[in-house]
Amino acid sequence: MSARLSSPSEDGRINLEQQRKRAKELLQRLRADAQPAPRLADAQRLIARDLGFASWPKLKAHIDAIDFAARHPQFVADDEARTRHWRCGNDISHSLRLAGFSGAFHMLSDPLCMGPVHDLPSDHYYTLRSDYISQAYGLDRAQVLHRMVDEYRQLPLLGDCPRAVLWCEADAYDQLFLIRLLANLERLPPRLELIQIDRMPGVQRFIGIGQLAPDVLAWLWPQRQTVSETMVQLARQAWSAYCAPSPEAWAQLAHRQDLVLPLLAPALLRQLQELPGLSDGLSLSERLSLQIIAELGEVPFGRVFAELMAKREPLPYLGDMMFHALLRPLIDAPTPLITETQPELEWPKRTLKLTALAERVLAGEAYWLDQSAPERWVGGVRLLAGQGHWALDKNLWPVWRAPSSALYEKP
């Protein structure tokens, strides 16, 4: 029997007739293998569960709701021209227009899940982040700074407009964007709403809202919730914790189960795993990437990224440029963990291979930050090779690690 019973979707739209056909095909296979003979309803139930629904009627109701949203303009009728939609990128701007949304679109694309992030006055913050982004991504600094200033100077519009809607998913990129926006508010606008999801029924591997079809965005629209003052207070607390030089307060939030922003704690916990692990000194993203290369041997850069996003990453947050920037220090360090061949090719086509040091690090026989690892930041936490630093234990709690292998309390 096939590993997939259903026909999973990539963009959130599910074809009911296609699923009916799959159910009938499944029924024939079940009848050949089972006694007593199963019914069509049994096969339909299996198909529905394979797509993430409790029953076939619930699958059908979901499809009908999306079809209704696409056919009926009232699902977008209250999206006035004065509405401002906010997102951490421009991946849904075109789909919103196709779905019939008429409000203005704004984005804040600052990748807060990478590089140093401090709670600084605006000009100092722009300098800090522009320096990092231009260096890490190989972009023109003046252009990066211009874009950053332009995006951040739009933020006061969020507090002044009559209605604003924030679109987020569950990963660290989006949830950090969310707390950044809310923490920046001096006052709640008359109507501030939030659409956030961590999964989409029928989508086998949900990466983000940007992969969804326009009519699915229309279906999401009535599910928005009002942002409360309590949510804003939590965002300010979380933003302060993320920017701090110690991850202790951040970890306390990450391990809670009762936050009024329900997707925040899992995202903070995943981002906490970008701190070095006590056994190898690697972040989770680095460790997963090295493991992929170890398993596949000499492998193209782009294949590693595809494997990470499609199968390994528990809460996908990296774009392709971000992934390239994440692995460069492992390639360019004086004591590299990865060798790169064919530099004349575009980076996705270059071949990657582990060094002997990487094999020792993966085996727990060497610690990456005891080598000549480049400086790295996770939020406000600075990581320097050969110096004491915060690391993560097996229970995902931060501990202070001295330059040697001995562990001490934070001095």
Protein backbone atom coordinates (compact mmCIF):
# COMPACT_ATOMS: atom_id res chain seq x y z
CA MET A 1 0.00 0.00 0.00
CA SER A 2 1.27 3.50 -0.81
CA ALA A 3 2.68 5.59 2.05
CA ARG A 4 0.18 8.32 1.12
CA LEU A 5 -3.46 7.33 0.98
CA SER A 6 -4.68 10.74 -0.18
CA SER A 7 -3.57 13.32 -2.71
CA PRO A 8 -2.01 16.01 -0.47
CA SER A 9 -2.10 19.64 -1.49
CA GLU A 10 0.73 22.13 -1.76
CA ASP A 11 -1.31 25.34 -1.67
CA GLY A 12 -4.18 24.44 0.67
CA ARG A 13 -6.83 23.71 -1.96
CA ILE A 14 -8.24 20.17 -1.88
CA ASN A 15 -10.08 18.64 -4.83
CA LEU A 16 -13.02 16.70 -3.46
CA GLU A 17 -13.56 14.63 -6.62
CA GLN A 18 -9.90 13.63 -6.60
CA GLN A 19 -10.17 12.50 -2.98
CA ARG A 20 -13.35 10.53 -3.80
CA LYS A 21 -11.45 8.76 -6.55
CA ARG A 22 -8.59 7.97 -4.17
CA ALA A 23 -11.10 6.62 -1.63
CA LYS A 24 -12.60 4.26 -4.20
CA GLU A 25 -9.12 3.06 -5.24
CA LEU A 26 -8.24 2.53 -1.58
CA LEU A 27 -11.47 0.62 -1.01
CA GLN A 28 -10.52 -1.88 -3.72
CA ARG A 29 -7.13 -2.47 -2.07
CA LEU A 30 -8.71 -2.82 1.37
CA ARG A 31 -11.26 -5.35 0.12
CA ALA A 32 -8.48 -7.43 -1.36
CA ASP A 33 -6.64 -7.56 1.97
CA ALA A 34 -9.32 -7.58 4.69
CA GLN A 35 -12.18 -9.60 6.11
CA PRO A 36 -14.95 -8.64 6.57
CA ALA A 37 -15.16 -6.44 3.51
CA PRO A 38 -14.73 -2.73 4.36
CA ARG A 39 -17.23 -0.11 3.20
CA LEU A 40 -16.62 3.03 1.14
CA ALA A 41 -17.14 5.06 4.34
CA ASP A 42 -14.14 3.26 5.88
CA ALA A 43 -11.89 4.22 2.99
CA GLN A 44 -13.17 7.81 3.04
CA ARG A 45 -12.43 8.04 6.75
CA LEU A 46 -8.84 6.88 6.15
CA ILE A 47 -8.41 9.43 3.36
CA ALA A 48 -9.75 12.20 5.60
CA ARG A 49 -7.44 11.27 8.45
CA ASP A 50 -4.48 11.14 6.08
CA LEU A 51 -5.23 14.77 5.20
CA GLY A 52 -5.54 15.81 8.84
CA PHE A 53 -9.32 15.65 9.40
CA ALA A 54 -11.20 13.65 12.00
CA SER A 55 -13.82 12.43 9.52
CA TRP A 56 -14.90 12.56 5.88
CA PRO A 57 -17.78 14.98 6.67
CA LYS A 58 -15.28 17.37 8.27
CA LEU A 59 -13.05 17.15 5.21
CA LYS A 60 -16.02 17.90 2.95
CA ALA A 61 -17.13 20.79 5.19
CA HIS A 62 -13.64 22.29 5.00
CA ILE A 63 -13.61 22.09 1.18
CA ASP A 64 -17.10 23.56 0.99
CA ALA A 65 -16.06 26.44 3.26
CA ILE A 66 -13.10 27.31 1.04
CA ASP A 67 -15.24 27.10 -2.09
CA PHE A 68 -17.83 29.34 -0.45
CA ALA A 69 -15.17 31.88 0.52
CA ALA A 70 -13.98 31.97 -3.08
CA ARG A 71 -17.50 32.45 -4.48
CA HIS A 72 -18.89 34.98 -2.02
CA PRO A 73 -17.50 38.50 -1.89
CA GLN A 74 -18.73 39.18 1.65
CA PHE A 75 -15.70 37.28 2.91
CA VAL A 76 -13.60 40.27 1.85
CA ALA A 77 -16.23 42.99 1.79
CA ASP A 78 -15.22 44.41 5.17
CA ASP A 79 -11.59 44.74 4.08
CA GLU A 80 -11.75 48.50 3.50
CA ALA A 81 -9.21 50.56 1.60
CA ARG A 82 -8.15 52.05 4.94
CA THR A 83 -7.21 48.61 6.26
CA ARG A 84 -3.46 47.96 6.51
CA HIS A 85 -2.19 44.42 6.14
CA TRP A 86 1.18 43.63 7.75
CA ARG A 87 3.46 40.69 6.98
CA CYS A 88 7.14 39.77 7.46
CA GLY A 89 7.64 39.60 3.69
CA ASN A 90 5.81 40.24 0.43
CA ASP A 91 4.88 36.62 -0.29
CA ILE A 92 1.10 37.14 0.06
CA SER A 93 0.71 40.65 -1.34
CA HIS A 94 -0.25 39.45 -4.84
CA SER A 95 -2.54 36.71 -3.51
CA LEU A 96 -4.39 39.20 -1.31
CA ARG A 97 -5.16 41.31 -4.35
CA LEU A 98 -6.33 38.28 -6.31
CA ALA A 99 -8.58 37.27 -3.42
CA GLY A 100 -10.24 40.68 -3.43
CA PHE A 101 -8.56 42.44 -0.52
CA SER A 102 -8.34 46.18 -1.06
CA GLY A 103 -6.37 47.52 1.90
CA ALA A 104 -2.75 48.71 1.85
CA PHE A 105 0.03 46.16 2.28
CA HIS A 106 3.11 46.69 4.47
CA MET A 107 5.99 44.43 5.35
CA LEU A 108 8.82 44.28 7.84
CA SER A 109 11.42 41.93 6.35
CA ASP A 110 14.14 42.29 9.00
CA PRO A 111 15.25 38.64 9.65
CA LEU A 112 15.22 38.87 13.44
CA CYS A 113 15.97 35.16 13.81
CA MET A 114 19.55 35.73 12.57
CA GLY A 115 22.32 38.05 13.73
CA PRO A 116 22.54 40.50 16.64
CA VAL A 117 19.26 41.97 17.88
CA HIS A 118 19.32 44.61 20.61
CA ASP A 119 16.69 46.98 21.95
CA LEU A 120 18.39 50.20 20.81
CA PRO A 121 17.39 53.69 19.69
CA SER A 122 16.29 53.62 16.06
CA ASP A 123 19.42 54.97 14.37
CA HIS A 124 21.73 52.63 16.30
CA TYR A 125 19.41 49.70 15.61
CA TYR A 126 19.33 50.43 11.87
CA THR A 127 23.13 50.54 11.79
CA LEU A 128 23.49 47.29 13.72
CA ARG A 129 21.08 45.34 11.58
CA SER A 130 22.17 46.82 8.24
CA ASP A 131 25.79 45.99 8.99
CA TYR A 132 24.89 42.39 9.74
CA ILE A 133 22.47 41.84 6.84
CA SER A 134 24.74 43.39 4.21
CA GLN A 135 27.72 41.34 5.39
CA ALA A 136 25.89 38.03 5.88
CA TYR A 137 23.88 38.16 2.65
CA GLY A 138 26.43 39.93 0.46
CA LEU A 139 24.15 42.90 -0.22
CA ASP A 140 24.88 46.57 -0.77
CA ARG A 141 24.84 48.19 2.65
CA ALA A 142 23.36 51.50 1.47
CA GLN A 143 20.45 49.69 -0.15
CA VAL A 144 19.91 47.52 2.91
CA LEU A 145 19.90 50.56 5.18
CA HIS A 146 17.51 52.46 2.92
CA ARG A 147 15.05 49.57 2.86
CA MET A 148 15.28 49.02 6.60
CA VAL A 149 14.69 52.66 7.45
CA ASP A 150 11.78 52.81 5.01
CA GLU A 151 10.11 49.72 6.50
CA TYR A 152 10.61 50.66 10.14
CA ARG A 153 9.40 54.21 9.58
CA GLN A 154 6.09 52.74 8.44
CA LEU A 155 5.52 51.22 11.90
CA PRO A 156 3.79 54.27 13.40
CA LEU A 157 1.08 53.75 10.78
CA LEU A 158 0.15 50.58 12.64
CA GLY A 159 -0.88 52.50 15.74
CA ASP A 160 -2.56 55.34 13.87
CA CYS A 161 -4.71 53.51 11.31
CA PRO A 162 -8.39 52.69 11.96
CA ARG A 163 -7.84 49.02 11.19
CA ALA A 164 -4.81 46.75 10.84
CA VAL A 165 -4.41 43.01 10.31
CA LEU A 166 -1.24 41.02 11.00
CA TRP A 167 -0.63 37.78 9.03
CA CYS A 168 1.68 35.26 10.72
CA GLU A 169 2.58 31.61 10.88
CA ALA A 170 4.18 29.65 13.68
CA ASP A 171 7.92 29.85 12.98
CA ALA A 172 10.49 32.07 14.67
CA TYR A 173 10.77 34.46 11.71
CA ASP A 174 7.06 35.29 11.92
CA GLN A 175 6.61 35.22 15.67
CA LEU A 176 9.59 37.53 16.22
CA PHE A 177 8.09 39.85 13.60
CA LEU A 178 4.83 39.75 15.57
CA ILE A 179 6.34 40.65 18.94
CA ARG A 180 8.51 43.32 17.30
CA LEU A 181 5.44 45.05 15.86
CA LEU A 182 3.34 44.74 19.00
CA ALA A 183 6.17 45.80 21.33
CA ASN A 184 6.67 48.91 19.20
CA LEU A 185 3.06 50.09 19.69
CA GLU A 186 2.58 53.14 21.86
CA ARG A 187 -1.15 52.45 21.85
CA LEU A 188 -3.53 49.94 20.33
CA PRO A 189 -5.23 51.15 17.15
CA PRO A 190 -9.04 51.20 17.13
CA ARG A 191 -9.07 47.77 15.50
CA LEU A 192 -6.03 45.51 15.43
CA GLU A 193 -6.50 41.88 14.39
CA LEU A 194 -4.29 38.84 13.99
CA ILE A 195 -4.40 35.89 11.61
CA GLN A 196 -1.94 33.18 12.60
CA ILE A 197 -1.81 29.46 11.81
CA ASP A 198 0.62 26.62 12.41
CA ARG A 199 -0.92 24.14 9.98
CA MET A 200 -3.31 23.98 7.06
CA PRO A 201 -5.70 21.03 6.67
CA GLY A 202 -4.85 19.00 3.61
CA VAL A 203 -1.33 20.43 3.24
CA GLN A 204 1.23 17.69 3.76
CA ARG A 205 4.11 19.98 4.72
CA PHE A 206 2.93 23.42 5.78
CA ILE A 207 5.79 25.92 5.49
CA GLY A 208 3.92 29.21 5.58
CA ILE A 209 1.01 31.35 4.50
CA GLY A 210 2.87 32.32 1.34
CA GLN A 211 2.30 28.86 -0.16
CA LEU A 212 -1.49 29.14 0.13
CA ALA A 213 -3.81 29.94 -2.76
CA PRO A 214 -5.72 33.26 -2.85
CA ASP A 215 -9.08 31.66 -2.07
CA VAL A 216 -7.56 29.98 0.99
CA LEU A 217 -6.47 33.41 2.24
CA ALA A 218 -10.09 34.48 1.86
CA TRP A 219 -11.11 31.45 3.92
CA LEU A 220 -8.63 32.47 6.65
CA TRP A 221 -9.98 36.02 6.78
CA PRO A 222 -12.99 35.41 9.10
CA GLN A 223 -10.75 33.49 11.52
CA ARG A 224 -8.83 36.58 12.61
CA GLN A 225 -8.80 37.48 16.31
CA THR A 226 -8.61 40.82 18.08
CA VAL A 227 -5.24 41.77 19.54
CA SER A 228 -5.62 42.60 23.22
CA GLU A 229 -3.61 44.77 25.56
CA THR A 230 -2.51 41.58 27.32
CA MET A 231 -1.01 40.34 24.05
CA VAL A 232 0.84 43.62 23.63
CA GLN A 233 2.23 43.36 27.16
CA LEU A 234 3.42 39.81 26.47
CA ALA A 235 5.06 40.97 23.23
CA ARG A 236 6.97 43.68 25.10
CA GLN A 237 8.13 41.14 27.67
CA ALA A 238 9.19 38.65 24.98
CA TRP A 239 10.97 41.29 22.89
CA SER A 240 12.94 42.51 25.90
CA ALA A 241 13.87 38.91 26.77
CA TYR A 242 15.00 38.14 23.22
CA CYS A 243 17.22 41.22 23.07
CA ALA A 244 18.87 40.56 26.45
CA PRO A 245 22.48 39.27 26.69
CA SER A 246 21.23 36.33 28.77
CA PRO A 247 18.65 33.87 27.40
CA GLU A 248 17.25 33.02 30.83
CA ALA A 249 14.07 35.14 30.67
CA TRP A 250 13.57 34.10 27.04
CA ALA A 251 13.82 30.41 28.04
CA GLN A 252 11.25 30.88 30.80
CA LEU A 253 8.73 32.14 28.23
CA ALA A 254 9.67 29.42 25.73
CA HIS A 255 8.81 26.65 28.19
CA ARG A 256 5.42 28.04 29.18
CA GLN A 257 2.14 26.57 27.97
CA ASP A 258 -0.23 29.41 28.89
CA LEU A 259 0.82 32.39 26.76
CA VAL A 260 -1.98 34.49 25.27
CA LEU A 261 -0.13 34.33 21.95
CA PRO A 262 -0.35 30.53 21.62
CA LEU A 263 2.21 30.11 18.82
CA LEU A 264 4.86 32.23 20.52
CA ALA A 265 6.30 29.73 23.02
CA PRO A 266 7.00 26.97 20.43
CA ALA A 267 8.71 29.53 18.17
CA LEU A 268 10.81 30.88 21.03
CA LEU A 269 11.74 27.34 22.02
CA ARG A 270 12.81 26.51 18.47
CA GLN A 271 14.82 29.74 18.29
CA LEU A 272 16.42 28.89 21.65
CA GLN A 273 17.84 25.82 19.93
CA GLU A 274 19.98 28.11 17.78
CA LEU A 275 22.16 28.43 20.87
CA PRO A 276 25.01 25.91 20.86
CA GLY A 277 24.25 22.47 22.21
CA LEU A 278 26.39 21.37 25.16
CA SER A 279 27.59 18.23 23.41
CA ASP A 280 28.89 19.73 20.15
CA GLY A 281 28.65 23.55 20.18
CA LEU A 282 26.33 23.52 17.17
CA SER A 283 22.96 25.17 16.72
CA LEU A 284 20.11 22.88 15.68
CA SER A 285 20.16 24.29 12.13
CA GLU A 286 23.90 23.68 11.87
CA ARG A 287 23.60 20.19 13.32
CA LEU A 288 20.79 19.15 11.00
CA SER A 289 22.66 20.49 7.98
CA LEU A 290 25.85 18.63 8.88
CA GLN A 291 23.88 15.44 9.47
CA ILE A 292 22.33 15.73 6.00
CA ILE A 293 25.76 16.13 4.40
CA ALA A 294 27.10 13.21 6.47
CA GLU A 295 24.29 10.97 5.22
CA LEU A 296 24.35 12.05 1.56
CA GLY A 297 28.10 12.41 1.13
CA GLU A 298 29.26 15.01 -1.38
CA VAL A 299 26.04 16.86 -2.08
CA PRO A 300 24.98 20.12 -3.78
CA PHE A 301 24.33 23.07 -1.47
CA GLY A 302 20.77 23.42 -2.75
CA ARG A 303 20.01 19.74 -2.07
CA VAL A 304 20.95 20.21 1.58
CA PHE A 305 18.57 23.17 1.85
CA ALA A 306 15.76 21.26 0.14
CA GLU A 307 16.22 18.25 2.43
CA LEU A 308 16.30 20.45 5.52
CA MET A 309 13.12 22.30 4.62
CA ALA A 310 11.18 19.32 3.29
CA LYS A 311 11.96 16.77 6.00
CA ARG A 312 14.31 17.73 8.84
CA GLU A 313 13.50 21.20 10.16
CA PRO A 314 10.81 20.93 12.87
CA LEU A 315 9.58 24.52 12.42
CA PRO A 316 10.75 25.84 9.01
CA TYR A 317 11.89 29.46 9.13
CA LEU A 318 14.83 29.80 6.74
CA GLY A 319 14.75 31.28 3.26
CA ASP A 320 17.39 30.22 0.75
CA MET A 321 19.59 33.29 1.28
CA MET A 322 19.30 32.85 5.04
CA PHE A 323 20.40 29.23 4.76
CA HIS A 324 23.38 30.19 2.65
CA ALA A 325 24.36 32.84 5.21
CA LEU A 326 23.95 30.32 8.03
CA LEU A 327 26.39 27.80 6.51
CA ARG A 328 29.02 30.26 5.30
CA PRO A 329 30.76 30.51 8.70
CA LEU A 330 31.09 26.71 8.75
CA ILE A 331 32.78 26.90 5.34
CA ASP A 332 34.88 30.06 5.73
CA ALA A 333 36.19 29.54 9.28
CA PRO A 334 39.94 28.97 9.81
CA THR A 335 38.97 25.51 11.07
CA PRO A 336 36.06 24.73 8.73
CA LEU A 337 33.45 22.05 9.18
CA ILE A 338 32.47 22.02 5.49
CA THR A 339 34.48 22.17 2.30
CA GLU A 340 32.92 23.76 -0.78
CA THR A 341 33.96 22.96 -4.35
CA GLN A 342 33.26 24.67 -7.68
CA PRO A 343 33.03 28.23 -6.32
CA GLU A 344 32.55 29.51 -9.86
CA LEU A 345 29.02 28.05 -9.84
CA GLU A 346 25.99 29.63 -8.22
CA TRP A 347 25.97 28.60 -4.58
CA PRO A 348 23.07 26.10 -4.79
CA LYS A 349 25.06 24.03 -7.31
CA ARG A 350 28.32 23.94 -5.37
CA THR A 351 29.24 20.62 -3.79
CA LEU A 352 29.59 20.36 -0.01
CA LYS A 353 31.54 17.78 1.99
CA LEU A 354 32.30 17.41 5.70
CA THR A 355 35.80 17.89 7.07
CA ALA A 356 37.36 15.50 9.56
CA LEU A 357 36.71 18.09 12.28
CA ALA A 358 32.99 18.10 11.42
CA GLU A 359 32.86 14.34 11.80
CA ARG A 360 34.46 14.64 15.24
CA VAL A 361 32.04 17.43 16.24
CA LEU A 362 29.02 15.37 15.14
CA ALA A 363 30.36 12.43 17.12
CA GLY A 364 30.68 14.59 20.25
CA GLU A 365 34.47 14.25 20.23
CA ALA A 366 35.11 17.96 19.58
CA TYR A 367 33.26 21.14 20.49
CA TRP A 368 32.72 23.68 17.70
CA LEU A 369 33.14 26.79 19.86
CA ASP A 370 36.43 25.46 21.22
CA GLN A 371 37.73 25.73 17.64
CA SER A 372 38.13 28.87 15.53
CA ALA A 373 34.41 29.34 15.04
CA PRO A 374 33.38 32.86 13.93
CA GLU A 375 31.45 35.16 16.24
CA ARG A 376 27.73 34.43 16.21
CA TRP A 377 24.67 36.08 17.74
CA VAL A 378 21.27 34.69 18.65
CA GLY A 379 19.11 37.67 19.52
CA GLY A 380 21.04 39.52 22.21
CA VAL A 381 23.24 36.52 23.09
CA ARG A 382 26.83 36.74 21.85
CA LEU A 383 28.80 33.57 21.12
CA LEU A 384 32.59 33.80 20.85
CA ALA A 385 34.92 30.87 20.27
CA GLY A 386 37.19 30.09 23.18
CA GLN A 387 35.20 32.18 25.65
CA GLY A 388 32.50 31.39 28.17
CA HIS A 389 29.07 31.41 26.63
CA TRP A 390 25.47 30.31 27.01
CA ALA A 391 24.67 26.83 25.73
CA LEU A 392 21.64 24.55 25.78
CA ASP A 393 21.40 21.37 27.82
CA LYS A 394 19.50 18.23 26.83
CA ASN A 395 16.31 19.59 28.43
CA LEU A 396 16.56 22.77 26.31
CA TRP A 397 17.48 25.01 29.23
CA PRO A 398 20.36 27.49 28.96
CA VAL A 399 23.46 26.92 31.07
CA TRP A 400 26.70 28.86 31.26
CA ARG A 401 29.65 27.02 29.71
CA ALA A 402 33.18 27.99 30.64
CA PRO A 403 35.95 27.97 28.00
CA SER A 404 36.92 24.48 29.14
CA SER A 405 34.52 21.53 29.15
CA ALA A 406 33.59 22.17 32.79
CA LEU A 407 30.21 23.72 33.50
CA TYR A 408 29.64 26.53 35.95
CA GLU A 409 26.82 28.72 37.06
CA LYS A 410 26.74 32.10 35.36
CA PRO A 411 29.38 34.30 37.06
